[in-house]
Amino acid sequence: MSETTNFRINEVRWHGRGGQGAVTAAHILAEAAFVQGYQGVTSVPAFGAERRGVPVFASTRFAHQTIRVYSQIETPDVVVVLDETLLDDPATTEGLKAGGWLVVNSTAPPEQLAIAAECNVATADATRISVELGLILAGLVLVNTAILGAFSRATGLVSMESIESVLRRRFSNPSAGKNIDAARMTYDRTVLRLRKQQ
């Protein structure tokens, strides 16, 4: 969490591939944080040559007071990775604070991921859950709402109730139900590994 004028800002950086919904997930988390009672929330996409399949990132900030910081997040408290192969690029976890959270869409348990950062790690197979629930658009599996459940379980910063409230408002039935189920199932199936204290 960044310290700015004596209050803390929770900073989350999202990494995914074009079409996976990283930017949408960043926005949903910001809305859910507001529902939760955080007064200051921002969500910013990274603009560039964003095409289906290419790496993209976005960010979410939230705090209990108004936020006046709009720069890119360089030292996130949480990094959320929608595609495990992005971990091959050191830039994905660059700047992640010691003791922060790395949340990864992966079939592997946290201890099997080769993570150099001194962070807590949470993994969940959001892809499988999304496939089970039919969250597929034009052949692309949408894991963004599912991974929100893993974020909630790992960090405890935003509750599932707040996330579900936003999903219910953003999606029409039966799509809302599928997305809520995906987040809940991922929450339940998230595996956590706390870093060893030095």
N, C-alpha and C. Protein backbone atom coordinates (compact mmCIF):
# COMPACT_ATOMS: atom_id res chain seq x y z
N MET A 1 0.83 -1.17 0.00
CA MET A 1 0.00 0.00 0.00
C MET A 1 0.88 1.23 0.00
N SER A 2 0.58 2.16 -0.87
CA SER A 2 1.36 3.38 -0.93
C SER A 2 0.94 4.32 0.18
N GLU A 3 1.91 5.00 0.77
CA GLU A 3 1.63 6.00 1.79
C GLU A 3 1.61 7.36 1.11
N THR A 4 0.49 8.06 1.18
CA THR A 4 0.37 9.38 0.59
C THR A 4 -0.40 10.26 1.55
N THR A 5 0.20 11.34 1.97
CA THR A 5 -0.42 12.26 2.93
C THR A 5 -1.10 11.53 4.08
N ASN A 6 -0.35 10.62 4.70
CA ASN A 6 -0.77 9.92 5.91
C ASN A 6 -1.96 8.97 5.74
N PHE A 7 -2.23 8.49 4.55
CA PHE A 7 -3.20 7.41 4.42
C PHE A 7 -2.71 6.43 3.37
N ARG A 8 -3.27 5.26 3.41
CA ARG A 8 -2.76 4.18 2.56
C ARG A 8 -3.63 3.97 1.33
N ILE A 9 -2.94 3.72 0.22
CA ILE A 9 -3.62 3.40 -1.03
C ILE A 9 -3.28 1.96 -1.39
N ASN A 10 -4.30 1.16 -1.60
CA ASN A 10 -4.11 -0.21 -2.07
C ASN A 10 -3.91 -0.16 -3.59
N GLU A 11 -2.80 -0.73 -4.06
CA GLU A 11 -2.48 -0.67 -5.48
C GLU A 11 -2.44 -2.09 -6.07
N VAL A 12 -3.22 -2.29 -7.12
CA VAL A 12 -3.35 -3.59 -7.76
C VAL A 12 -3.01 -3.44 -9.24
N ARG A 13 -2.11 -4.30 -9.73
CA ARG A 13 -1.77 -4.30 -11.15
C ARG A 13 -2.25 -5.60 -11.77
N TRP A 14 -2.92 -5.49 -12.90
CA TRP A 14 -3.49 -6.64 -13.60
C TRP A 14 -2.70 -6.93 -14.86
N HIS A 15 -2.38 -8.21 -15.08
CA HIS A 15 -1.68 -8.63 -16.30
C HIS A 15 -2.51 -9.73 -16.97
N GLY A 16 -2.78 -9.54 -18.24
CA GLY A 16 -3.52 -10.55 -18.98
C GLY A 16 -3.16 -10.46 -20.45
N ARG A 17 -3.94 -11.11 -21.27
CA ARG A 17 -3.78 -11.01 -22.72
C ARG A 17 -5.03 -10.38 -23.30
N GLY A 18 -4.85 -9.68 -24.41
CA GLY A 18 -5.97 -9.01 -25.04
C GLY A 18 -7.15 -9.95 -25.24
N GLY A 19 -8.32 -9.55 -24.77
CA GLY A 19 -9.51 -10.37 -24.90
C GLY A 19 -9.87 -11.14 -23.64
N GLN A 20 -8.96 -11.20 -22.66
CA GLN A 20 -9.25 -11.94 -21.43
C GLN A 20 -10.06 -11.11 -20.43
N GLY A 21 -10.05 -9.81 -20.60
CA GLY A 21 -10.86 -8.96 -19.72
C GLY A 21 -10.14 -8.37 -18.53
N ALA A 22 -8.82 -8.19 -18.62
CA ALA A 22 -8.07 -7.61 -17.50
C ALA A 22 -8.56 -6.20 -17.18
N VAL A 23 -8.83 -5.41 -18.21
CA VAL A 23 -9.28 -4.03 -18.00
C VAL A 23 -10.66 -4.03 -17.34
N THR A 24 -11.54 -4.91 -17.79
CA THR A 24 -12.87 -5.00 -17.18
C THR A 24 -12.77 -5.43 -15.73
N ALA A 25 -11.91 -6.39 -15.44
CA ALA A 25 -11.73 -6.85 -14.05
C ALA A 25 -11.24 -5.71 -13.17
N ALA A 26 -10.31 -4.90 -13.69
CA ALA A 26 -9.80 -3.76 -12.94
C ALA A 26 -10.92 -2.79 -12.60
N HIS A 27 -11.83 -2.55 -13.56
CA HIS A 27 -12.96 -1.66 -13.33
C HIS A 27 -13.95 -2.25 -12.32
N ILE A 28 -14.23 -3.55 -12.45
CA ILE A 28 -15.16 -4.20 -11.53
C ILE A 28 -14.63 -4.13 -10.10
N LEU A 29 -13.32 -4.38 -9.94
CA LEU A 29 -12.74 -4.31 -8.60
C LEU A 29 -12.87 -2.91 -8.03
N ALA A 30 -12.64 -1.88 -8.84
CA ALA A 30 -12.79 -0.50 -8.37
C ALA A 30 -14.22 -0.24 -7.90
N GLU A 31 -15.19 -0.69 -8.68
CA GLU A 31 -16.59 -0.52 -8.30
C GLU A 31 -16.91 -1.26 -7.01
N ALA A 32 -16.39 -2.49 -6.89
CA ALA A 32 -16.64 -3.29 -5.69
C ALA A 32 -16.00 -2.65 -4.46
N ALA A 33 -14.81 -2.06 -4.64
CA ALA A 33 -14.16 -1.37 -3.53
C ALA A 33 -15.02 -0.19 -3.07
N PHE A 34 -15.63 0.52 -4.01
CA PHE A 34 -16.51 1.64 -3.67
C PHE A 34 -17.73 1.13 -2.90
N VAL A 35 -18.32 0.03 -3.38
CA VAL A 35 -19.45 -0.58 -2.68
C VAL A 35 -19.05 -0.97 -1.27
N GLN A 36 -17.82 -1.44 -1.12
CA GLN A 36 -17.28 -1.87 0.17
C GLN A 36 -17.14 -0.70 1.15
N GLY A 37 -17.05 0.52 0.61
CA GLY A 37 -16.94 1.68 1.49
C GLY A 37 -15.66 2.50 1.31
N TYR A 38 -14.80 2.07 0.38
CA TYR A 38 -13.62 2.88 0.09
C TYR A 38 -14.08 4.15 -0.63
N GLN A 39 -13.62 5.30 -0.18
CA GLN A 39 -14.08 6.57 -0.76
C GLN A 39 -13.33 6.93 -2.04
N GLY A 40 -12.06 6.56 -2.10
CA GLY A 40 -11.27 6.87 -3.28
C GLY A 40 -11.00 5.62 -4.09
N VAL A 41 -11.41 5.60 -5.36
CA VAL A 41 -11.14 4.46 -6.24
C VAL A 41 -10.78 4.97 -7.62
N THR A 42 -9.80 4.32 -8.25
CA THR A 42 -9.46 4.63 -9.64
C THR A 42 -9.15 3.32 -10.36
N SER A 43 -9.40 3.32 -11.65
CA SER A 43 -9.07 2.17 -12.48
C SER A 43 -8.58 2.70 -13.82
N VAL A 44 -7.37 2.26 -14.21
CA VAL A 44 -6.75 2.81 -15.42
C VAL A 44 -6.25 1.69 -16.31
N PRO A 45 -6.67 1.68 -17.59
CA PRO A 45 -6.11 0.71 -18.53
C PRO A 45 -4.78 1.21 -19.06
N ALA A 46 -3.97 0.31 -19.57
CA ALA A 46 -2.72 0.69 -20.24
C ALA A 46 -3.02 0.67 -21.74
N PHE A 47 -2.81 1.78 -22.38
CA PHE A 47 -3.12 1.86 -23.80
C PHE A 47 -1.92 1.51 -24.65
N GLY A 48 -2.18 0.90 -25.78
CA GLY A 48 -1.11 0.51 -26.70
C GLY A 48 -1.71 -0.29 -27.83
N ALA A 49 -0.89 -1.11 -28.45
CA ALA A 49 -1.36 -1.95 -29.55
C ALA A 49 -2.05 -3.18 -28.98
N GLU A 50 -3.22 -2.97 -28.42
CA GLU A 50 -3.92 -4.06 -27.75
C GLU A 50 -4.75 -4.86 -28.75
N ARG A 51 -4.32 -6.10 -28.96
CA ARG A 51 -5.03 -7.02 -29.83
C ARG A 51 -5.24 -8.31 -29.06
N ARG A 52 -6.11 -9.11 -29.56
CA ARG A 52 -6.37 -10.39 -28.91
C ARG A 52 -5.07 -11.18 -28.79
N GLY A 53 -4.79 -11.63 -27.57
CA GLY A 53 -3.64 -12.49 -27.34
C GLY A 53 -2.36 -11.78 -26.92
N VAL A 54 -2.24 -10.47 -27.16
CA VAL A 54 -1.00 -9.78 -26.77
C VAL A 54 -1.10 -9.35 -25.31
N PRO A 55 0.04 -9.26 -24.61
CA PRO A 55 0.01 -8.87 -23.20
C PRO A 55 -0.56 -7.46 -23.02
N VAL A 56 -1.43 -7.32 -22.04
CA VAL A 56 -2.01 -6.02 -21.67
C VAL A 56 -1.98 -5.92 -20.15
N PHE A 57 -2.04 -4.70 -19.64
CA PHE A 57 -2.16 -4.56 -18.20
C PHE A 57 -3.04 -3.37 -17.87
N ALA A 58 -3.52 -3.40 -16.64
CA ALA A 58 -4.41 -2.35 -16.13
C ALA A 58 -4.11 -2.21 -14.64
N SER A 59 -4.68 -1.19 -14.03
CA SER A 59 -4.43 -0.99 -12.61
C SER A 59 -5.68 -0.53 -11.89
N THR A 60 -5.71 -0.83 -10.59
CA THR A 60 -6.79 -0.40 -9.71
C THR A 60 -6.15 0.15 -8.44
N ARG A 61 -6.64 1.30 -8.01
CA ARG A 61 -6.24 1.86 -6.72
C ARG A 61 -7.50 2.10 -5.90
N PHE A 62 -7.42 1.85 -4.60
CA PHE A 62 -8.53 2.22 -3.73
C PHE A 62 -8.02 2.53 -2.33
N ALA A 63 -8.69 3.49 -1.70
CA ALA A 63 -8.28 3.97 -0.38
C ALA A 63 -9.51 4.49 0.36
N HIS A 64 -9.35 4.75 1.65
CA HIS A 64 -10.48 5.26 2.44
C HIS A 64 -10.64 6.77 2.32
N GLN A 65 -9.76 7.42 1.56
CA GLN A 65 -9.88 8.85 1.30
C GLN A 65 -9.70 9.08 -0.20
N THR A 66 -9.96 10.29 -0.63
CA THR A 66 -9.84 10.63 -2.04
C THR A 66 -8.41 10.37 -2.54
N ILE A 67 -8.32 9.81 -3.74
CA ILE A 67 -7.02 9.52 -4.35
C ILE A 67 -6.69 10.59 -5.38
N ARG A 68 -5.48 11.11 -5.29
CA ARG A 68 -5.04 12.11 -6.26
C ARG A 68 -3.76 11.63 -6.96
N VAL A 69 -3.59 10.32 -7.05
CA VAL A 69 -2.44 9.72 -7.71
C VAL A 69 -2.96 8.99 -8.95
N TYR A 70 -2.43 9.35 -10.12
CA TYR A 70 -2.94 8.76 -11.37
C TYR A 70 -1.83 8.15 -12.23
N SER A 71 -0.62 8.11 -11.71
CA SER A 71 0.49 7.54 -12.47
C SER A 71 0.36 6.03 -12.55
N GLN A 72 1.17 5.43 -13.41
CA GLN A 72 1.19 3.96 -13.49
C GLN A 72 1.68 3.38 -12.16
N ILE A 73 1.20 2.23 -11.82
CA ILE A 73 1.61 1.58 -10.57
C ILE A 73 2.96 0.90 -10.79
N GLU A 74 3.94 1.30 -10.00
CA GLU A 74 5.28 0.73 -10.10
C GLU A 74 5.60 -0.23 -8.97
N THR A 75 4.98 -0.05 -7.81
CA THR A 75 5.24 -0.94 -6.67
C THR A 75 3.89 -1.44 -6.12
N PRO A 76 3.27 -2.36 -6.83
CA PRO A 76 1.94 -2.82 -6.43
C PRO A 76 1.96 -3.65 -5.15
N ASP A 77 0.84 -3.59 -4.45
CA ASP A 77 0.62 -4.46 -3.29
C ASP A 77 0.15 -5.83 -3.76
N VAL A 78 -0.54 -5.84 -4.90
CA VAL A 78 -1.09 -7.08 -5.46
C VAL A 78 -0.86 -7.07 -6.97
N VAL A 79 -0.43 -8.21 -7.50
CA VAL A 79 -0.36 -8.42 -8.94
C VAL A 79 -1.28 -9.59 -9.26
N VAL A 80 -2.20 -9.38 -10.19
CA VAL A 80 -3.13 -10.43 -10.62
C VAL A 80 -2.77 -10.82 -12.04
N VAL A 81 -2.55 -12.11 -12.27
CA VAL A 81 -2.11 -12.61 -13.58
C VAL A 81 -3.18 -13.54 -14.15
N LEU A 82 -3.78 -13.14 -15.26
CA LEU A 82 -4.85 -13.93 -15.87
C LEU A 82 -4.33 -15.04 -16.76
N ASP A 83 -3.07 -14.95 -17.18
CA ASP A 83 -2.47 -15.97 -18.03
C ASP A 83 -1.10 -16.31 -17.45
N GLU A 84 -0.97 -17.54 -16.94
CA GLU A 84 0.24 -17.97 -16.25
C GLU A 84 1.51 -17.81 -17.09
N THR A 85 1.40 -17.91 -18.41
CA THR A 85 2.60 -17.81 -19.26
C THR A 85 3.24 -16.42 -19.16
N LEU A 86 2.49 -15.43 -18.70
CA LEU A 86 3.04 -14.08 -18.56
C LEU A 86 4.07 -14.01 -17.43
N LEU A 87 4.11 -15.02 -16.57
CA LEU A 87 5.12 -15.06 -15.52
C LEU A 87 6.52 -15.26 -16.09
N ASP A 88 6.62 -15.69 -17.35
CA ASP A 88 7.93 -15.84 -17.99
C ASP A 88 8.62 -14.49 -18.18
N ASP A 89 7.83 -13.43 -18.18
CA ASP A 89 8.38 -12.08 -18.34
C ASP A 89 8.58 -11.48 -16.95
N PRO A 90 9.82 -11.19 -16.55
CA PRO A 90 10.08 -10.63 -15.22
C PRO A 90 9.33 -9.33 -14.94
N ALA A 91 8.93 -8.61 -15.99
CA ALA A 91 8.21 -7.36 -15.81
C ALA A 91 6.85 -7.57 -15.15
N THR A 92 6.31 -8.79 -15.27
CA THR A 92 5.00 -9.07 -14.70
C THR A 92 5.00 -8.89 -13.18
N THR A 93 6.03 -9.35 -12.52
CA THR A 93 6.08 -9.24 -11.05
C THR A 93 7.00 -8.11 -10.59
N GLU A 94 7.52 -7.34 -11.53
CA GLU A 94 8.45 -6.27 -11.18
C GLU A 94 7.80 -5.28 -10.22
N GLY A 95 8.52 -4.96 -9.15
CA GLY A 95 8.06 -3.96 -8.19
C GLY A 95 7.11 -4.48 -7.14
N LEU A 96 6.65 -5.73 -7.26
CA LEU A 96 5.71 -6.28 -6.28
C LEU A 96 6.33 -6.23 -4.89
N LYS A 97 5.63 -5.63 -3.96
CA LYS A 97 6.18 -5.42 -2.63
C LYS A 97 6.39 -6.74 -1.89
N ALA A 98 7.46 -6.79 -1.12
CA ALA A 98 7.70 -7.95 -0.25
C ALA A 98 6.51 -8.08 0.68
N GLY A 99 5.96 -9.28 0.77
CA GLY A 99 4.78 -9.50 1.60
C GLY A 99 3.48 -9.20 0.89
N GLY A 100 3.57 -8.73 -0.37
CA GLY A 100 2.36 -8.49 -1.15
C GLY A 100 1.80 -9.81 -1.68
N TRP A 101 0.79 -9.72 -2.52
CA TRP A 101 0.14 -10.91 -3.07
C TRP A 101 0.32 -11.01 -4.57
N LEU A 102 0.66 -12.21 -5.02
CA LEU A 102 0.64 -12.55 -6.44
C LEU A 102 -0.50 -13.55 -6.62
N VAL A 103 -1.50 -13.18 -7.40
CA VAL A 103 -2.69 -14.01 -7.63
C VAL A 103 -2.64 -14.48 -9.08
N VAL A 104 -2.59 -15.80 -9.29
CA VAL A 104 -2.34 -16.33 -10.63
C VAL A 104 -3.42 -17.34 -11.04
N ASN A 105 -3.91 -17.19 -12.25
CA ASN A 105 -4.78 -18.19 -12.85
C ASN A 105 -3.89 -19.35 -13.30
N SER A 106 -3.89 -20.44 -12.53
CA SER A 106 -2.97 -21.55 -12.81
C SER A 106 -3.55 -22.86 -12.28
N THR A 107 -3.20 -23.95 -12.95
CA THR A 107 -3.57 -25.27 -12.45
C THR A 107 -2.60 -25.74 -11.37
N ALA A 108 -1.45 -25.10 -11.29
CA ALA A 108 -0.40 -25.53 -10.35
C ALA A 108 -0.63 -24.94 -8.97
N PRO A 109 -0.24 -25.67 -7.92
CA PRO A 109 -0.26 -25.08 -6.58
C PRO A 109 0.82 -24.01 -6.48
N PRO A 110 0.68 -23.06 -5.55
CA PRO A 110 1.63 -21.94 -5.47
C PRO A 110 3.09 -22.36 -5.37
N GLU A 111 3.39 -23.42 -4.64
CA GLU A 111 4.78 -23.81 -4.43
C GLU A 111 5.46 -24.31 -5.71
N GLN A 112 4.66 -24.63 -6.74
CA GLN A 112 5.25 -25.11 -7.99
C GLN A 112 5.57 -23.99 -8.97
N LEU A 113 5.15 -22.77 -8.64
CA LEU A 113 5.47 -21.64 -9.52
C LEU A 113 6.85 -21.11 -9.16
N ALA A 114 7.66 -20.85 -10.17
CA ALA A 114 9.01 -20.32 -9.95
C ALA A 114 8.91 -18.81 -9.79
N ILE A 115 8.69 -18.37 -8.57
CA ILE A 115 8.51 -16.95 -8.29
C ILE A 115 9.70 -16.43 -7.50
N ALA A 116 10.39 -15.44 -8.05
CA ALA A 116 11.56 -14.89 -7.37
C ALA A 116 11.17 -13.87 -6.31
N ALA A 117 10.05 -13.19 -6.50
CA ALA A 117 9.64 -12.14 -5.56
C ALA A 117 9.31 -12.74 -4.19
N GLU A 118 9.59 -11.96 -3.15
CA GLU A 118 9.28 -12.37 -1.78
C GLU A 118 7.85 -11.98 -1.45
N CYS A 119 6.93 -12.76 -1.98
CA CYS A 119 5.52 -12.42 -1.85
C CYS A 119 4.71 -13.63 -1.45
N ASN A 120 3.48 -13.38 -1.05
CA ASN A 120 2.50 -14.44 -0.85
C ASN A 120 1.95 -14.79 -2.23
N VAL A 121 1.59 -16.06 -2.42
CA VAL A 121 1.10 -16.50 -3.73
C VAL A 121 -0.23 -17.22 -3.58
N ALA A 122 -1.16 -16.89 -4.46
CA ALA A 122 -2.45 -17.58 -4.52
C ALA A 122 -2.67 -18.06 -5.94
N THR A 123 -3.08 -19.31 -6.09
CA THR A 123 -3.40 -19.83 -7.42
C THR A 123 -4.81 -20.42 -7.42
N ALA A 124 -5.43 -20.33 -8.58
CA ALA A 124 -6.75 -20.93 -8.78
C ALA A 124 -6.90 -21.21 -10.26
N ASP A 125 -7.54 -22.30 -10.59
CA ASP A 125 -7.75 -22.66 -11.99
C ASP A 125 -9.02 -21.97 -12.49
N ALA A 126 -8.91 -20.66 -12.69
CA ALA A 126 -10.06 -19.88 -13.15
C ALA A 126 -10.49 -20.29 -14.55
N THR A 127 -9.54 -20.76 -15.36
CA THR A 127 -9.89 -21.19 -16.72
C THR A 127 -10.84 -22.36 -16.68
N ARG A 128 -10.51 -23.37 -15.89
CA ARG A 128 -11.37 -24.56 -15.81
C ARG A 128 -12.77 -24.20 -15.31
N ILE A 129 -12.82 -23.35 -14.29
CA ILE A 129 -14.12 -22.96 -13.73
C ILE A 129 -14.94 -22.21 -14.78
N SER A 130 -14.29 -21.31 -15.51
CA SER A 130 -15.00 -20.54 -16.54
C SER A 130 -15.50 -21.44 -17.66
N VAL A 131 -14.71 -22.44 -18.03
CA VAL A 131 -15.14 -23.40 -19.04
C VAL A 131 -16.34 -24.21 -18.53
N GLU A 132 -16.25 -24.66 -17.27
CA GLU A 132 -17.36 -25.42 -16.67
C GLU A 132 -18.67 -24.65 -16.74
N LEU A 133 -18.58 -23.33 -16.56
CA LEU A 133 -19.79 -22.50 -16.51
C LEU A 133 -20.17 -21.90 -17.86
N GLY A 134 -19.37 -22.19 -18.89
CA GLY A 134 -19.70 -21.70 -20.23
C GLY A 134 -19.38 -20.23 -20.45
N LEU A 135 -18.39 -19.70 -19.71
CA LEU A 135 -18.00 -18.30 -19.90
C LEU A 135 -16.96 -18.22 -21.03
N ILE A 136 -17.46 -18.40 -22.24
CA ILE A 136 -16.63 -18.43 -23.44
C ILE A 136 -17.27 -17.51 -24.47
N LEU A 137 -16.46 -16.63 -25.07
CA LEU A 137 -16.96 -15.71 -26.07
C LEU A 137 -16.06 -15.78 -27.28
N ALA A 138 -16.62 -16.10 -28.42
CA ALA A 138 -15.88 -16.20 -29.68
C ALA A 138 -14.66 -17.11 -29.53
N GLY A 139 -14.83 -18.20 -28.80
CA GLY A 139 -13.77 -19.17 -28.62
C GLY A 139 -12.76 -18.82 -27.53
N LEU A 140 -12.93 -17.67 -26.89
CA LEU A 140 -12.00 -17.22 -25.86
C LEU A 140 -12.62 -17.41 -24.48
N VAL A 141 -11.88 -18.06 -23.58
CA VAL A 141 -12.37 -18.29 -22.22
C VAL A 141 -12.20 -17.01 -21.41
N LEU A 142 -13.29 -16.53 -20.83
CA LEU A 142 -13.27 -15.29 -20.05
C LEU A 142 -13.04 -15.63 -18.58
N VAL A 143 -11.87 -15.29 -18.07
CA VAL A 143 -11.50 -15.65 -16.70
C VAL A 143 -11.53 -14.46 -15.75
N ASN A 144 -11.84 -13.28 -16.27
CA ASN A 144 -11.70 -12.07 -15.46
C ASN A 144 -12.62 -12.02 -14.24
N THR A 145 -13.86 -12.42 -14.39
CA THR A 145 -14.75 -12.37 -13.22
C THR A 145 -14.42 -13.49 -12.24
N ALA A 146 -14.00 -14.63 -12.76
CA ALA A 146 -13.62 -15.75 -11.88
C ALA A 146 -12.44 -15.37 -10.99
N ILE A 147 -11.42 -14.73 -11.57
CA ILE A 147 -10.21 -14.42 -10.81
C ILE A 147 -10.48 -13.40 -9.70
N LEU A 148 -11.57 -12.65 -9.80
CA LEU A 148 -11.94 -11.73 -8.73
C LEU A 148 -12.18 -12.48 -7.42
N GLY A 149 -12.68 -13.71 -7.53
CA GLY A 149 -12.88 -14.53 -6.33
C GLY A 149 -11.56 -14.87 -5.68
N ALA A 150 -10.55 -15.18 -6.48
CA ALA A 150 -9.22 -15.48 -5.94
C ALA A 150 -8.63 -14.24 -5.28
N PHE A 151 -8.83 -13.08 -5.89
CA PHE A 151 -8.34 -11.82 -5.30
C PHE A 151 -8.97 -11.62 -3.92
N SER A 152 -10.27 -11.80 -3.83
CA SER A 152 -10.97 -11.60 -2.56
C SER A 152 -10.47 -12.57 -1.49
N ARG A 153 -10.33 -13.84 -1.87
CA ARG A 153 -9.89 -14.87 -0.92
C ARG A 153 -8.47 -14.59 -0.42
N ALA A 154 -7.58 -14.20 -1.32
CA ALA A 154 -6.18 -14.00 -0.97
C ALA A 154 -5.98 -12.75 -0.11
N THR A 155 -6.56 -11.64 -0.53
CA THR A 155 -6.23 -10.37 0.11
C THR A 155 -7.19 -9.97 1.23
N GLY A 156 -8.45 -10.34 1.09
CA GLY A 156 -9.45 -9.92 2.07
C GLY A 156 -9.76 -8.43 2.00
N LEU A 157 -9.26 -7.74 1.00
CA LEU A 157 -9.45 -6.29 0.90
C LEU A 157 -10.86 -5.91 0.43
N VAL A 158 -11.43 -6.75 -0.42
CA VAL A 158 -12.78 -6.52 -0.93
C VAL A 158 -13.55 -7.82 -0.81
N SER A 159 -14.72 -7.76 -0.22
CA SER A 159 -15.49 -8.98 0.07
C SER A 159 -16.17 -9.53 -1.18
N MET A 160 -16.51 -10.80 -1.11
CA MET A 160 -17.26 -11.42 -2.20
C MET A 160 -18.63 -10.76 -2.33
N GLU A 161 -19.21 -10.34 -1.23
CA GLU A 161 -20.53 -9.70 -1.29
C GLU A 161 -20.47 -8.42 -2.13
N SER A 162 -19.41 -7.64 -1.96
CA SER A 162 -19.27 -6.41 -2.74
C SER A 162 -19.04 -6.72 -4.22
N ILE A 163 -18.23 -7.73 -4.49
CA ILE A 163 -17.97 -8.14 -5.89
C ILE A 163 -19.26 -8.63 -6.53
N GLU A 164 -20.00 -9.47 -5.81
CA GLU A 164 -21.25 -10.00 -6.36
C GLU A 164 -22.25 -8.89 -6.64
N SER A 165 -22.29 -7.89 -5.78
CA SER A 165 -23.21 -6.76 -5.98
C SER A 165 -22.92 -6.06 -7.31
N VAL A 166 -21.66 -5.88 -7.63
CA VAL A 166 -21.29 -5.22 -8.88
C VAL A 166 -21.58 -6.13 -10.07
N LEU A 167 -21.27 -7.41 -9.95
CA LEU A 167 -21.53 -8.35 -11.05
C LEU A 167 -23.02 -8.43 -11.34
N ARG A 168 -23.82 -8.38 -10.29
CA ARG A 168 -25.27 -8.44 -10.47
C ARG A 168 -25.77 -7.22 -11.24
N ARG A 169 -25.15 -6.07 -10.99
CA ARG A 169 -25.56 -4.84 -11.64
C ARG A 169 -25.03 -4.74 -13.07
N ARG A 170 -23.83 -5.28 -13.30
CA ARG A 170 -23.16 -5.15 -14.61
C ARG A 170 -23.69 -6.10 -15.66
N PHE A 171 -24.13 -7.29 -15.23
CA PHE A 171 -24.54 -8.31 -16.19
C PHE A 171 -26.03 -8.60 -16.06
N SER A 172 -26.63 -8.98 -17.19
CA SER A 172 -28.04 -9.35 -17.16
C SER A 172 -28.15 -10.85 -16.87
N ASN A 173 -29.29 -11.26 -16.39
CA ASN A 173 -29.52 -12.70 -16.17
C ASN A 173 -29.65 -13.39 -17.53
N PRO A 174 -29.17 -14.65 -17.68
CA PRO A 174 -28.49 -15.48 -16.68
C PRO A 174 -26.98 -15.25 -16.60
N SER A 175 -26.48 -14.29 -17.39
CA SER A 175 -25.05 -14.03 -17.41
C SER A 175 -24.53 -13.61 -16.03
N ALA A 176 -25.31 -12.83 -15.31
CA ALA A 176 -24.89 -12.40 -13.97
C ALA A 176 -24.68 -13.61 -13.07
N GLY A 177 -25.62 -14.55 -13.13
CA GLY A 177 -25.51 -15.76 -12.30
C GLY A 177 -24.26 -16.56 -12.61
N LYS A 178 -23.93 -16.69 -13.88
CA LYS A 178 -22.72 -17.44 -14.28
C LYS A 178 -21.46 -16.77 -13.77
N ASN A 179 -21.40 -15.44 -13.89
CA ASN A 179 -20.22 -14.71 -13.45
C ASN A 179 -20.08 -14.72 -11.93
N ILE A 180 -21.19 -14.63 -11.23
CA ILE A 180 -21.15 -14.71 -9.77
C ILE A 180 -20.71 -16.11 -9.34
N ASP A 181 -21.26 -17.13 -9.99
CA ASP A 181 -20.86 -18.50 -9.67
C ASP A 181 -19.37 -18.72 -9.93
N ALA A 182 -18.86 -18.13 -11.01
CA ALA A 182 -17.43 -18.28 -11.33
C ALA A 182 -16.58 -17.67 -10.24
N ALA A 183 -16.95 -16.48 -9.78
CA ALA A 183 -16.18 -15.82 -8.71
C ALA A 183 -16.26 -16.62 -7.41
N ARG A 184 -17.45 -17.11 -7.08
CA ARG A 184 -17.61 -17.88 -5.84
C ARG A 184 -16.81 -19.18 -5.88
N MET A 185 -16.92 -19.90 -7.00
CA MET A 185 -16.22 -21.18 -7.12
C MET A 185 -14.71 -20.98 -7.06
N THR A 186 -14.23 -19.91 -7.70
CA THR A 186 -12.80 -19.63 -7.68
C THR A 186 -12.36 -19.26 -6.27
N TYR A 187 -13.17 -18.49 -5.58
CA TYR A 187 -12.88 -18.15 -4.18
C TYR A 187 -12.68 -19.44 -3.36
N ASP A 188 -13.60 -20.37 -3.53
CA ASP A 188 -13.55 -21.62 -2.75
C ASP A 188 -12.37 -22.50 -3.12
N ARG A 189 -11.91 -22.42 -4.37
CA ARG A 189 -10.86 -23.32 -4.84
C ARG A 189 -9.46 -22.67 -4.87
N THR A 190 -9.36 -21.47 -4.37
CA THR A 190 -8.07 -20.79 -4.35
C THR A 190 -7.14 -21.41 -3.31
N VAL A 191 -5.91 -21.65 -3.72
CA VAL A 191 -4.89 -22.23 -2.83
C VAL A 191 -3.91 -21.12 -2.47
N LEU A 192 -3.63 -20.96 -1.19
CA LEU A 192 -2.78 -19.89 -0.70
C LEU A 192 -1.46 -20.41 -0.17
N ARG A 193 -0.39 -19.63 -0.41
CA ARG A 193 0.90 -19.91 0.20
C ARG A 193 1.46 -18.60 0.74
N LEU A 194 1.60 -18.54 2.06
CA LEU A 194 2.17 -17.36 2.69
C LEU A 194 3.67 -17.43 2.64
N ARG A 195 4.33 -16.33 2.36
CA ARG A 195 5.79 -16.33 2.31
C ARG A 195 6.35 -16.59 3.69
N LYS A 196 7.51 -17.21 3.73
CA LYS A 196 8.17 -17.47 5.00
C LYS A 196 8.76 -16.18 5.53
N GLN A 197 8.46 -15.90 6.78
CA GLN A 197 9.01 -14.69 7.40
C GLN A 197 10.48 -14.87 7.67
N GLN A 198 11.24 -13.82 7.42
CA GLN A 198 12.69 -13.88 7.64
C GLN A 198 13.01 -13.68 9.12
